[in-house]
Protein backbone atom coordinates (compact mmCIF):
# COMPACT_ATOMS: atom_id res chain seq x y z
CA MET A 1 98.96 144.51 30.07
CA TYR A 2 97.24 144.39 33.44
CA ASP A 3 99.43 144.95 36.50
CA LEU A 4 98.14 143.74 39.90
CA THR A 5 101.43 144.12 41.72
CA THR A 6 100.44 147.38 43.43
CA VAL A 7 97.23 145.89 44.82
CA LEU A 8 99.00 142.77 46.07
CA THR A 9 101.80 144.69 47.73
CA THR A 10 99.29 147.05 49.32
CA ILE A 11 97.33 144.08 50.72
CA ALA A 12 100.57 142.50 51.93
CA ALA A 13 101.64 145.76 53.61
CA CYS A 14 98.27 146.20 55.34
CA SER A 15 98.26 142.56 56.33
CA ALA A 16 101.76 142.90 57.76
CA SER A 17 100.58 145.71 60.02
CA ILE A 18 97.55 143.71 61.14
CA VAL A 19 99.66 140.57 61.67
CA ALA A 20 102.09 142.59 63.76
CA ILE A 21 99.26 143.94 65.93
CA LEU A 22 97.61 140.53 66.33
CA GLY A 23 100.93 138.81 66.90
CA GLY A 24 101.89 141.36 69.53
CA PHE A 25 98.55 140.92 71.26
CA ILE A 26 98.84 137.13 71.31
CA ALA A 27 102.48 137.22 72.42
CA SER A 28 101.76 139.66 75.25
CA LYS A 29 98.77 137.55 76.32
CA LEU A 30 100.85 134.36 76.35
CA ILE A 31 103.64 136.05 78.32
CA ALA A 32 101.10 137.33 80.85
CA LEU A 33 99.51 133.87 81.11
CA ASN A 34 102.90 132.27 81.64
CA ALA A 35 103.80 134.78 84.37
CA GLU A 36 100.41 134.29 86.04
CA ARG A 37 100.79 130.51 85.84
CA ASP A 38 104.20 130.72 87.52
CA ALA A 39 102.72 132.92 90.25
CA VAL A 40 99.89 130.43 90.84
CA ASN A 41 102.34 127.51 91.01
CA THR A 42 104.45 129.45 93.49
CA ARG A 43 101.38 130.21 95.61
CA ILE A 44 100.35 126.55 95.56
CA SER A 45 103.82 125.55 96.77
CA GLU A 46 103.60 128.13 99.57
CA LEU A 47 100.14 126.84 100.55
CA ASP A 48 101.44 123.27 100.62
CA GLU A 49 104.23 124.31 102.98
CA GLU A 50 101.80 126.21 105.24
CA ILE A 51 99.35 123.29 105.29
CA GLU A 52 102.18 120.90 106.14
CA PHE A 53 103.40 123.20 108.94
CA PHE A 54 99.98 123.62 110.56
CA THR A 55 99.22 119.91 110.11
CA GLU A 56 102.40 118.98 111.97
CA GLU A 57 101.59 121.54 114.67
CA ARG A 58 98.01 120.23 114.99
CA ASN A 59 99.22 116.62 115.17
CA MET A 60 101.81 117.52 117.82
CA LEU A 61 99.25 119.33 119.96
CA GLN A 62 96.71 116.56 119.51
CA THR A 63 99.33 114.03 120.59
CA GLN A 64 99.89 116.04 123.76
CA LEU A 65 96.15 116.07 124.45
CA ASP A 66 95.89 112.34 123.75
CA GLU A 67 98.78 111.62 126.11
CA ASP A 68 97.19 113.75 128.83
CA ASP A 69 93.83 112.01 128.40
CA ALA A 70 95.49 108.60 128.32
CA LEU A 71 97.43 109.45 131.47
CA ASP A 72 94.20 110.43 133.24
CA PHE A 73 92.59 107.19 132.11
CA ILE A 74 95.53 105.11 133.34
CA LYS A 75 95.72 106.96 136.67
CA GLU A 76 92.02 106.35 137.24
CA ASN A 77 92.49 102.67 136.42
CA ILE A 78 95.97 102.09 137.85
CA THR A 79 94.61 99.06 139.73
CA TYR A 80 94.09 97.30 136.42
CA ILE A 81 97.72 97.96 135.47
CA VAL A 82 99.00 96.60 138.76
CA ASN A 83 96.72 93.57 138.57
CA ARG A 84 97.77 92.86 134.98
CA HIS A 85 94.37 93.38 133.40
CA THR A 86 94.09 94.06 129.68
CA LEU A 87 92.82 97.29 128.16
CA GLU A 88 89.78 95.46 126.80
CA ASP A 89 88.68 94.58 130.33
CA THR A 90 89.37 98.08 131.62
CA TYR A 91 87.86 99.95 128.71
CA LYS A 92 84.53 98.19 129.06
CA GLU A 93 84.10 99.54 132.57
CA GLU A 94 84.97 103.12 131.62
CA GLU A 95 81.71 104.95 131.09
CA ARG A 96 82.82 107.87 128.93
CA PRO A 97 86.47 107.56 127.85
CA ARG A 98 87.89 110.60 126.08
CA LEU A 99 89.89 108.47 123.68
CA LYS A 100 89.06 105.51 121.51
CA LYS A 101 90.50 102.18 122.47
CA GLU A 102 92.78 102.17 119.43
CA VAL A 103 94.32 105.46 120.54
CA LEU A 104 94.64 104.32 124.16
CA GLN A 105 96.29 101.01 123.28
CA PRO A 106 99.90 102.24 122.80
CA TYR A 107 99.72 104.30 126.02
CA TRP A 108 98.36 101.30 127.91
CA ARG A 109 101.28 99.23 126.68
CA ARG A 110 103.69 101.91 127.81
CA ALA A 111 102.07 101.88 131.25
CA GLU A 112 102.31 98.08 131.42
CA LYS A 113 105.98 98.28 130.45
CA THR A 114 106.56 100.96 133.07
CA TYR A 115 105.05 98.76 135.77
CA SER A 116 107.20 95.80 134.69
CA GLN A 117 110.34 97.92 134.81
CA TYR A 118 109.33 99.33 138.19
CA ARG A 119 108.92 95.84 139.63
CA ASP A 120 112.32 94.79 138.28
CA ILE A 121 113.98 97.86 139.81
CA VAL A 122 112.32 97.33 143.22
CA LYS A 123 113.09 93.61 143.15
CA LYS A 124 116.72 94.28 142.34
CA ALA A 125 117.04 96.94 145.07
CA GLY A 126 115.24 94.87 147.68
CA ASN A 127 114.01 96.81 150.70
CA ASN A 128 117.01 99.13 150.73
CA TYR A 129 116.13 101.91 148.30
CA GLU A 130 115.67 105.61 148.67
CA GLU A 131 112.70 107.60 147.44
CA ASN A 132 112.50 111.13 146.13
CA ASP A 133 109.93 113.73 147.16
CA ASP A 134 107.29 112.14 144.91
CA GLY A 135 107.69 108.77 146.61
CA VAL A 136 109.39 107.26 143.56
CA PRO A 137 112.53 105.14 144.04
CA ILE A 138 115.53 107.18 142.97
CA GLU A 139 116.75 104.39 140.71
CA ALA A 140 113.35 104.30 138.99
CA ALA A 141 113.35 108.08 138.63
CA LYS A 142 116.65 107.79 136.77
CA VAL A 143 115.10 105.29 134.33
CA PHE A 144 111.74 107.02 133.77
CA THR A 145 112.89 110.33 132.33
CA GLN A 146 109.82 110.80 130.13
CA HIS A 147 106.88 112.63 131.72
CA PHE A 148 104.35 109.92 130.87
CA GLU A 149 106.38 107.04 132.31
CA TYR A 150 107.35 109.04 135.40
CA ALA A 151 103.73 110.04 136.08
CA VAL A 152 102.60 106.42 135.73
CA CYS A 153 105.36 105.27 138.05
CA THR A 154 104.37 107.92 140.60
CA LYS A 155 100.77 106.73 140.51
CA ILE A 156 101.91 103.12 140.89
CA CYS A 157 103.95 104.05 143.96
CA GLU A 158 100.99 105.92 145.44
CA HIS A 159 98.72 102.96 144.80
CA ILE A 160 101.12 100.55 146.48
CA GLU A 161 101.54 102.91 149.43
CA ASP A 162 97.77 103.23 149.78
CA GLN A 163 97.49 99.47 149.90
CA SER A 164 100.07 99.22 152.69
CA SER A 165 98.87 102.21 154.74
CA PRO A 166 95.28 103.55 154.73
CA PHE A 167 96.51 106.91 156.03
CA ALA A 168 99.01 107.49 153.24
CA SER A 169 96.53 109.37 151.11
CA LEU A 170 95.78 111.71 153.98
CA ARG A 171 99.44 112.57 154.39
CA ARG A 172 99.87 113.04 150.71
CA GLY A 173 96.76 115.14 150.25
CA LEU A 174 94.36 115.12 147.38
CA ASP A 175 95.76 114.26 143.96
CA VAL A 176 93.38 115.94 141.57
CA THR A 177 94.22 115.99 137.90
CA ILE A 178 92.21 118.67 136.13
CA SER A 179 92.34 117.77 132.43
CA ALA A 180 90.16 120.73 131.57
CA GLY A 181 92.60 123.11 133.24
CA LYS A 182 94.17 126.15 131.64
CA TRP A 183 96.86 124.22 129.75
CA TYR A 184 94.39 121.67 128.43
CA HIS A 185 91.92 124.37 127.40
CA ASP A 186 94.63 126.47 125.72
CA THR A 187 95.93 123.44 123.85
CA GLN A 188 92.44 122.57 122.66
CA GLU A 189 92.05 126.13 121.40
CA LYS A 190 95.34 125.83 119.53
CA VAL A 191 94.20 122.58 117.91
CA ILE A 192 90.94 124.19 116.81
CA SER A 193 92.84 127.21 115.50
CA ALA A 194 95.24 124.97 113.55
CA ASP A 195 92.31 123.00 112.09
CA ASN A 196 90.62 126.23 110.98
CA LYS A 197 93.83 127.43 109.34
CA ILE A 198 94.27 124.10 107.56
CA THR A 199 90.69 124.24 106.30
CA TYR A 200 91.12 127.81 105.06
CA LEU A 201 94.48 127.08 103.40
CA THR A 202 93.06 123.93 101.79
CA LEU A 203 90.22 126.00 100.35
CA GLN A 204 92.74 128.51 98.99
CA ARG A 205 94.76 125.68 97.47
CA LYS A 206 91.64 124.31 95.77
CA GLN A 207 90.87 127.75 94.35
CA GLN A 208 94.43 128.12 93.07
CA LYS A 209 94.24 124.67 91.45
CA THR A 210 91.03 125.68 89.70
CA ARG A 211 92.69 128.89 88.56
CA LEU A 212 95.73 126.97 87.31
CA LYS A 213 93.51 124.59 85.35
CA ALA A 214 91.86 127.57 83.65
CA LEU A 215 95.26 129.08 82.82
CA GLU A 216 96.48 125.85 81.25
CA LYS A 217 93.70 126.10 78.65
CA PRO A 218 93.12 129.84 78.11
CA LYS A 219 89.96 130.42 76.16
CA GLY A 220 90.51 132.03 72.77
CA MET A 221 94.28 131.53 72.51
CA LYS A 222 94.17 128.51 70.22
CA LEU A 223 91.61 130.22 68.02
CA GLY A 224 93.75 133.36 67.95
CA LEU A 225 96.85 131.41 66.93
CA ALA A 226 94.91 129.60 64.17
CA LEU A 227 93.51 132.91 62.90
CA PHE A 228 96.97 134.47 63.05
CA ALA A 229 98.48 131.67 60.96
CA LEU A 230 95.62 131.65 58.45
CA PHE A 231 95.57 135.42 57.99
CA SER A 232 99.37 135.53 57.60
CA ALA A 233 99.33 132.80 54.96
CA THR A 234 96.45 134.13 52.86
CA ASN A 235 96.99 137.88 53.10
CA PHE A 236 100.74 138.22 53.55
CA VAL A 237 102.60 135.20 52.22
CA CYS A 238 100.38 134.54 49.18
CA PRO A 239 100.31 138.14 47.87
CA LEU A 240 104.08 138.38 48.17
CA SER A 241 104.43 135.05 46.39
CA LEU A 242 102.30 136.29 43.48
CA SER A 243 104.14 139.61 43.13
CA PRO A 244 104.91 140.90 40.59
CA TYR A 245 101.61 139.94 38.92
CA ILE A 246 101.29 141.10 35.28
CA THR A 247 98.93 139.48 32.78
CA GLU A 248 97.37 140.18 29.39
CA ASN A 249 94.20 138.35 30.27
CA TYR A 250 91.66 140.71 31.77
CA GLN A 251 89.63 137.84 33.22
CA TYR A 252 92.64 136.52 35.16
CA PHE A 253 93.42 140.03 36.31
CA LEU A 254 89.84 140.67 37.49
CA GLN A 255 89.43 137.26 39.16
CA THR A 256 92.74 137.54 40.98
CA LYS A 257 91.96 141.07 42.13
CA ILE A 258 88.50 140.10 43.41
CA LEU A 259 89.91 137.01 45.12
CA ALA A 260 92.73 138.94 46.81
CA VAL A 261 90.44 141.74 48.02
CA SER A 262 87.76 139.25 49.13
CA VAL A 263 90.25 137.13 51.09
CA PHE A 264 91.60 140.28 52.72
CA ALA A 265 88.08 141.47 53.57
CA ILE A 266 87.12 138.06 54.97
CA GLY A 267 90.28 138.08 57.07
CA LEU A 268 89.39 141.50 58.47
CA VAL A 269 85.86 140.34 59.30
CA LEU A 270 87.22 137.25 61.05
CA MET A 271 89.63 139.44 62.99
CA MET A 272 86.80 141.71 64.15
CA MET A 273 84.66 138.71 65.09
CA TYR A 274 87.55 137.29 67.11
CA LEU A 275 88.01 140.57 68.99
CA VAL A 276 84.28 140.75 69.71
CA TYR A 277 84.44 137.14 70.90
CA LEU A 278 87.25 138.01 73.32
CA LEU A 279 85.34 141.04 74.56
CA HIS A 280 82.23 138.92 75.17
CA TRP A 281 84.30 136.27 77.01
CA SER A 282 85.85 138.91 79.29
CA LYS A 283 82.45 140.20 80.37
CA LYS A 284 81.26 136.65 80.99
CA ALA A 285 84.29 135.91 83.16
CA LYS A 286 83.40 138.79 85.46
């Protein structure tokens, strides 16, 4: 009688230890990958919120600059507003406008609406209306509460006064609007700063997306799981299934012993090759 039970149980016991080590390594790696993936997703969400915040801030500041530039343009061309000219006619005569016509269009419409409302207020009040210190009818000042509309109305009143009295501008003094003043310059700097932050955060977001893509398909994990399953089946499950193994045929005994030891040896070689493969991949990643 030839008993192979001891050999099979020994192989199964050794394989169990190896499977436990490999399984622990794979499990710890997967847990670490999952935690890292969650951290990357959290960082991407934070970057999205920061990008959205600075984008809104940049857009708000740019809107303020656009309104200031549009107001300068309208003040310089207030005659066209009063004479009911279109923006197309006015824009052609402007040598170097700060804004594109498409951006100026809504502000031009607001100025036209302001002039129409001003005329209605003056017509309704007749010649008996009081003016504030800026020369704007008090009733109009109550209507034009927004800075843009009030500034346009003030310029309209000044234009009308200049037409009626050539000395009005002398009494009023010079009205110089310095668009490149401190506020304008500071706001431009803030816009540039916000754009730089958005660019930097967008780059970080792209890097995190690339990192997340790599984490979704970690190199070596699928191969490790396949090797884990194969080694467990051939060197742990099969030997236990064959135990106890007792035969009278020496050839069966010898063939089974050689097969069991060979499969175990091949499994060990594959395990070592896999570990070397992981080590080589780590150096390449650096």
